[in-house]
Protein backbone atom coordinates (compact mmCIF):
# COMPACT_ATOMS: atom_id res chain seq x y z
CA UNK A 1 0.00 0.00 0.00
CA UNK A 2 1.32 3.45 -0.79
CA UNK A 3 1.67 6.32 1.63
CA UNK A 4 0.08 9.75 1.72
CA UNK A 5 2.07 12.97 2.07
CA UNK A 6 2.23 12.50 5.85
CA UNK A 7 3.86 9.09 5.42
CA UNK A 8 0.86 7.12 6.71
CA UNK A 9 -0.20 3.83 5.11
CA UNK A 10 -3.47 5.18 3.82
CA UNK A 11 -4.51 3.91 0.41
CA UNK A 12 -4.19 7.25 -1.33
CA UNK A 13 -1.48 9.50 -2.72
CA UNK A 14 -1.59 13.28 -2.64
CA UNK A 15 0.36 15.58 -4.91
CA UNK A 16 2.64 18.24 -3.50
CA UNK A 17 2.94 20.12 -6.76
CA UNK A 18 0.65 21.00 -9.60
CA UNK A 19 -2.90 19.65 -9.40
CA UNK A 20 -3.32 16.46 -11.45
CA UNK A 21 -5.74 16.53 -14.38
CA UNK A 22 -7.29 13.22 -13.32
CA UNK A 23 -7.81 10.88 -10.40
CA UNK A 24 -6.20 7.46 -10.85
CA UNK A 25 -8.11 4.62 -9.18
CA UNK A 26 -5.98 1.48 -8.91
CA UNK A 27 -7.82 -1.77 -8.23
CA UNK A 28 -6.24 -5.23 -8.13
CA UNK A 29 -7.56 -6.21 -11.56
CA UNK A 30 -8.00 -2.84 -13.31
CA UNK A 31 -7.14 0.84 -13.15
CA UNK A 32 -9.28 3.86 -14.01
CA UNK A 33 -8.39 7.42 -14.92
CA UNK A 34 -11.22 9.84 -14.10
CA UNK A 35 -10.71 13.44 -15.27
CA UNK A 36 -11.26 15.99 -12.52
CA UNK A 37 -13.24 18.19 -14.92
CA UNK A 38 -15.90 15.43 -14.91
CA UNK A 39 -16.33 15.45 -11.13
CA UNK A 40 -19.94 16.37 -10.33
CA UNK A 41 -19.70 16.30 -6.53
CA UNK A 42 -18.21 14.59 -3.52
CA UNK A 43 -19.80 13.84 -0.16
CA UNK A 44 -19.00 11.81 2.88
CA UNK A 45 -17.95 11.34 6.44
CA UNK A 46 -15.02 9.94 8.36
CA UNK A 47 -15.82 6.35 7.34
CA UNK A 48 -17.22 6.69 3.79
CA UNK A 49 -16.78 9.04 0.84
CA UNK A 50 -18.58 9.14 -2.48
CA UNK A 51 -17.09 10.86 -5.52
CA UNK A 52 -19.53 11.18 -8.42
CA UNK A 53 -18.08 11.67 -11.89
CA UNK A 54 -20.13 11.86 -15.10
CA UNK A 55 -19.23 8.27 -16.04
CA UNK A 56 -18.41 6.53 -12.74
CA UNK A 57 -19.11 6.61 -9.02
CA UNK A 58 -16.25 5.97 -6.61
CA UNK A 59 -17.05 4.84 -3.07
CA UNK A 60 -14.26 4.83 -0.51
CA UNK A 61 -14.84 3.09 2.83
CA UNK A 62 -12.35 3.28 5.64
CA UNK A 63 -11.17 5.34 8.59
CA UNK A 64 -10.18 8.99 8.91
CA UNK A 65 -11.49 9.88 5.45
CA UNK A 66 -13.14 13.24 6.20
CA UNK A 67 -9.94 15.15 5.40
CA UNK A 68 -9.95 13.71 1.89
CA UNK A 69 -12.90 15.91 0.87
CA UNK A 70 -10.80 19.04 1.25
CA UNK A 71 -8.02 17.33 -0.74
CA UNK A 72 -10.55 16.56 -3.49
CA UNK A 73 -11.75 20.19 -3.46
CA UNK A 74 -8.15 21.37 -3.81
CA UNK A 75 -7.50 18.73 -6.51
CA UNK A 76 -4.55 17.37 -4.55
CA UNK A 77 -5.78 13.75 -4.51
CA UNK A 78 -3.82 11.99 -7.24
CA UNK A 79 -4.40 8.25 -6.66
CA UNK A 80 -6.64 5.88 -4.72
CA UNK A 81 -5.41 2.31 -4.14
CA UNK A 82 -7.50 -0.76 -3.40
CA UNK A 83 -6.10 -2.24 -0.18
CA UNK A 84 -4.53 -5.67 0.02
CA UNK A 85 -6.61 -8.18 1.98
CA UNK A 86 -4.44 -7.83 5.09
CA UNK A 87 -4.71 -4.02 4.99
CA UNK A 88 -8.52 -4.12 5.15
CA UNK A 89 -8.36 -4.67 8.90
CA UNK A 90 -6.53 -1.50 9.88
CA UNK A 91 -6.88 -0.37 13.47
CA UNK A 92 -9.55 2.29 13.98
CA UNK A 93 -8.16 5.74 14.63
CA UNK A 94 -5.75 5.53 11.73
CA UNK A 95 -6.30 7.01 8.28
CA UNK A 96 -6.84 4.20 5.79
CA UNK A 97 -8.92 2.88 2.91
CA UNK A 98 -10.68 -0.36 3.88
CA UNK A 99 -12.66 -0.84 0.67
CA UNK A 100 -12.69 0.85 -2.73
CA UNK A 101 -15.66 0.45 -5.06
CA UNK A 102 -15.99 1.86 -8.56
CA UNK A 103 -19.08 1.43 -10.70
CA UNK A 104 -20.55 2.87 -13.83
CA UNK A 105 -22.70 5.94 -13.10
CA UNK A 106 -26.28 4.97 -12.35
CA UNK A 107 -25.36 1.35 -11.62
CA UNK A 108 -26.85 0.08 -8.36
CA UNK A 109 -24.91 -1.93 -5.80
C-alpha atoms as a PDB file:
ATOM      1  CA  UNK A   1       0.000   0.000   0.000  1.00  0.00           C
ATOM      2  CA  UNK A   2       1.323   3.452  -0.789  1.00  0.00           C
ATOM      3  CA  UNK A   3       1.673   6.318   1.626  1.00  0.00           C
ATOM      4  CA  UNK A   4       0.083   9.750   1.719  1.00  0.00           C
ATOM      5  CA  UNK A   5       2.074  12.969   2.074  1.00  0.00           C
ATOM      6  CA  UNK A   6       2.233  12.505   5.847  1.00  0.00           C
ATOM      7  CA  UNK A   7       3.859   9.089   5.422  1.00  0.00           C
ATOM      8  CA  UNK A   8       0.857   7.118   6.705  1.00  0.00           C
ATOM      9  CA  UNK A   9      -0.196   3.826   5.113  1.00  0.00           C
ATOM     10  CA  UNK A  10      -3.471   5.175   3.822  1.00  0.00           C
ATOM     11  CA  UNK A  11      -4.508   3.907   0.411  1.00  0.00           C
ATOM     12  CA  UNK A  12      -4.189   7.245  -1.332  1.00  0.00           C
ATOM     13  CA  UNK A  13      -1.483   9.497  -2.720  1.00  0.00           C
ATOM     14  CA  UNK A  14      -1.586  13.282  -2.643  1.00  0.00           C
ATOM     15  CA  UNK A  15       0.365  15.582  -4.909  1.00  0.00           C
ATOM     16  CA  UNK A  16       2.641  18.245  -3.498  1.00  0.00           C
ATOM     17  CA  UNK A  17       2.943  20.117  -6.756  1.00  0.00           C
ATOM     18  CA  UNK A  18       0.647  21.003  -9.599  1.00  0.00           C
ATOM     19  CA  UNK A  19      -2.898  19.645  -9.402  1.00  0.00           C
ATOM     20  CA  UNK A  20      -3.324  16.456 -11.446  1.00  0.00           C
ATOM     21  CA  UNK A  21      -5.737  16.527 -14.376  1.00  0.00           C
ATOM     22  CA  UNK A  22      -7.286  13.223 -13.324  1.00  0.00           C
ATOM     23  CA  UNK A  23      -7.809  10.877 -10.402  1.00  0.00           C
ATOM     24  CA  UNK A  24      -6.200   7.461 -10.847  1.00  0.00           C
ATOM     25  CA  UNK A  25      -8.109   4.617  -9.182  1.00  0.00           C
ATOM     26  CA  UNK A  26      -5.979   1.483  -8.908  1.00  0.00           C
ATOM     27  CA  UNK A  27      -7.820  -1.768  -8.230  1.00  0.00           C
ATOM     28  CA  UNK A  28      -6.244  -5.233  -8.126  1.00  0.00           C
ATOM     29  CA  UNK A  29      -7.562  -6.210 -11.565  1.00  0.00           C
ATOM     30  CA  UNK A  30      -7.996  -2.841 -13.314  1.00  0.00           C
ATOM     31  CA  UNK A  31      -7.139   0.840 -13.147  1.00  0.00           C
ATOM     32  CA  UNK A  32      -9.276   3.860 -14.013  1.00  0.00           C
ATOM     33  CA  UNK A  33      -8.386   7.424 -14.922  1.00  0.00           C
ATOM     34  CA  UNK A  34     -11.215   9.840 -14.101  1.00  0.00           C
ATOM     35  CA  UNK A  35     -10.713  13.443 -15.275  1.00  0.00           C
ATOM     36  CA  UNK A  36     -11.258  15.995 -12.517  1.00  0.00           C
ATOM     37  CA  UNK A  37     -13.236  18.189 -14.917  1.00  0.00           C
ATOM     38  CA  UNK A  38     -15.903  15.433 -14.911  1.00  0.00           C
ATOM     39  CA  UNK A  39     -16.334  15.447 -11.125  1.00  0.00           C
ATOM     40  CA  UNK A  40     -19.944  16.367 -10.326  1.00  0.00           C
ATOM     41  CA  UNK A  41     -19.702  16.298  -6.527  1.00  0.00           C
ATOM     42  CA  UNK A  42     -18.207  14.595  -3.516  1.00  0.00           C
ATOM     43  CA  UNK A  43     -19.797  13.838  -0.160  1.00  0.00           C
ATOM     44  CA  UNK A  44     -18.997  11.808   2.882  1.00  0.00           C
ATOM     45  CA  UNK A  45     -17.949  11.340   6.439  1.00  0.00           C
ATOM     46  CA  UNK A  46     -15.024   9.940   8.360  1.00  0.00           C
ATOM     47  CA  UNK A  47     -15.823   6.353   7.341  1.00  0.00           C
ATOM     48  CA  UNK A  48     -17.215   6.690   3.794  1.00  0.00           C
ATOM     49  CA  UNK A  49     -16.777   9.035   0.840  1.00  0.00           C
ATOM     50  CA  UNK A  50     -18.579   9.143  -2.477  1.00  0.00           C
ATOM     51  CA  UNK A  51     -17.091  10.857  -5.523  1.00  0.00           C
ATOM     52  CA  UNK A  52     -19.528  11.181  -8.418  1.00  0.00           C
ATOM     53  CA  UNK A  53     -18.079  11.672 -11.887  1.00  0.00           C
ATOM     54  CA  UNK A  54     -20.131  11.861 -15.099  1.00  0.00           C
ATOM     55  CA  UNK A  55     -19.225   8.273 -16.039  1.00  0.00           C
ATOM     56  CA  UNK A  56     -18.407   6.529 -12.741  1.00  0.00           C
ATOM     57  CA  UNK A  57     -19.113   6.615  -9.022  1.00  0.00           C
ATOM     58  CA  UNK A  58     -16.255   5.973  -6.614  1.00  0.00           C
ATOM     59  CA  UNK A  59     -17.050   4.838  -3.074  1.00  0.00           C
ATOM     60  CA  UNK A  60     -14.263   4.827  -0.515  1.00  0.00           C
ATOM     61  CA  UNK A  61     -14.836   3.093   2.826  1.00  0.00           C
ATOM     62  CA  UNK A  62     -12.346   3.282   5.641  1.00  0.00           C
ATOM     63  CA  UNK A  63     -11.167   5.337   8.588  1.00  0.00           C
ATOM     64  CA  UNK A  64     -10.182   8.988   8.906  1.00  0.00           C
ATOM     65  CA  UNK A  65     -11.492   9.881   5.447  1.00  0.00           C
ATOM     66  CA  UNK A  66     -13.141  13.244   6.200  1.00  0.00           C
ATOM     67  CA  UNK A  67      -9.942  15.146   5.398  1.00  0.00           C
ATOM     68  CA  UNK A  68      -9.954  13.709   1.890  1.00  0.00           C
ATOM     69  CA  UNK A  69     -12.903  15.907   0.868  1.00  0.00           C
ATOM     70  CA  UNK A  70     -10.798  19.039   1.252  1.00  0.00           C
ATOM     71  CA  UNK A  71      -8.019  17.334  -0.740  1.00  0.00           C
ATOM     72  CA  UNK A  72     -10.554  16.564  -3.491  1.00  0.00           C
ATOM     73  CA  UNK A  73     -11.747  20.187  -3.457  1.00  0.00           C
ATOM     74  CA  UNK A  74      -8.150  21.374  -3.812  1.00  0.00           C
ATOM     75  CA  UNK A  75      -7.500  18.729  -6.510  1.00  0.00           C
ATOM     76  CA  UNK A  76      -4.546  17.366  -4.548  1.00  0.00           C
ATOM     77  CA  UNK A  77      -5.782  13.754  -4.514  1.00  0.00           C
ATOM     78  CA  UNK A  78      -3.818  11.986  -7.245  1.00  0.00           C
ATOM     79  CA  UNK A  79      -4.402   8.255  -6.658  1.00  0.00           C
ATOM     80  CA  UNK A  80      -6.637   5.885  -4.721  1.00  0.00           C
ATOM     81  CA  UNK A  81      -5.413   2.310  -4.141  1.00  0.00           C
ATOM     82  CA  UNK A  82      -7.499  -0.762  -3.396  1.00  0.00           C
ATOM     83  CA  UNK A  83      -6.101  -2.238  -0.175  1.00  0.00           C
ATOM     84  CA  UNK A  84      -4.529  -5.667   0.020  1.00  0.00           C
ATOM     85  CA  UNK A  85      -6.609  -8.177   1.983  1.00  0.00           C
ATOM     86  CA  UNK A  86      -4.436  -7.829   5.085  1.00  0.00           C
ATOM     87  CA  UNK A  87      -4.713  -4.022   4.986  1.00  0.00           C
ATOM     88  CA  UNK A  88      -8.525  -4.117   5.147  1.00  0.00           C
ATOM     89  CA  UNK A  89      -8.363  -4.670   8.900  1.00  0.00           C
ATOM     90  CA  UNK A  90      -6.532  -1.497   9.876  1.00  0.00           C
ATOM     91  CA  UNK A  91      -6.878  -0.368  13.467  1.00  0.00           C
ATOM     92  CA  UNK A  92      -9.549   2.291  13.977  1.00  0.00           C
ATOM     93  CA  UNK A  93      -8.155   5.735  14.635  1.00  0.00           C
ATOM     94  CA  UNK A  94      -5.748   5.532  11.726  1.00  0.00           C
ATOM     95  CA  UNK A  95      -6.301   7.011   8.275  1.00  0.00           C
ATOM     96  CA  UNK A  96      -6.836   4.205   5.787  1.00  0.00           C
ATOM     97  CA  UNK A  97      -8.920   2.878   2.911  1.00  0.00           C
ATOM     98  CA  UNK A  98     -10.676  -0.363   3.882  1.00  0.00           C
ATOM     99  CA  UNK A  99     -12.656  -0.845   0.667  1.00  0.00           C
ATOM    100  CA  UNK A 100     -12.687   0.848  -2.731  1.00  0.00           C
ATOM    101  CA  UNK A 101     -15.656   0.447  -5.065  1.00  0.00           C
ATOM    102  CA  UNK A 102     -15.993   1.860  -8.561  1.00  0.00           C
ATOM    103  CA  UNK A 103     -19.084   1.426 -10.704  1.00  0.00           C
ATOM    104  CA  UNK A 104     -20.553   2.872 -13.830  1.00  0.00           C
ATOM    105  CA  UNK A 105     -22.703   5.937 -13.101  1.00  0.00           C
ATOM    106  CA  UNK A 106     -26.283   4.966 -12.351  1.00  0.00           C
ATOM    107  CA  UNK A 107     -25.361   1.350 -11.621  1.00  0.00           C
ATOM    108  CA  UNK A 108     -26.846   0.084  -8.362  1.00  0.00           C
ATOM    109  CA  UNK A 109     -24.910  -1.930  -5.797  1.00  0.00           C
END
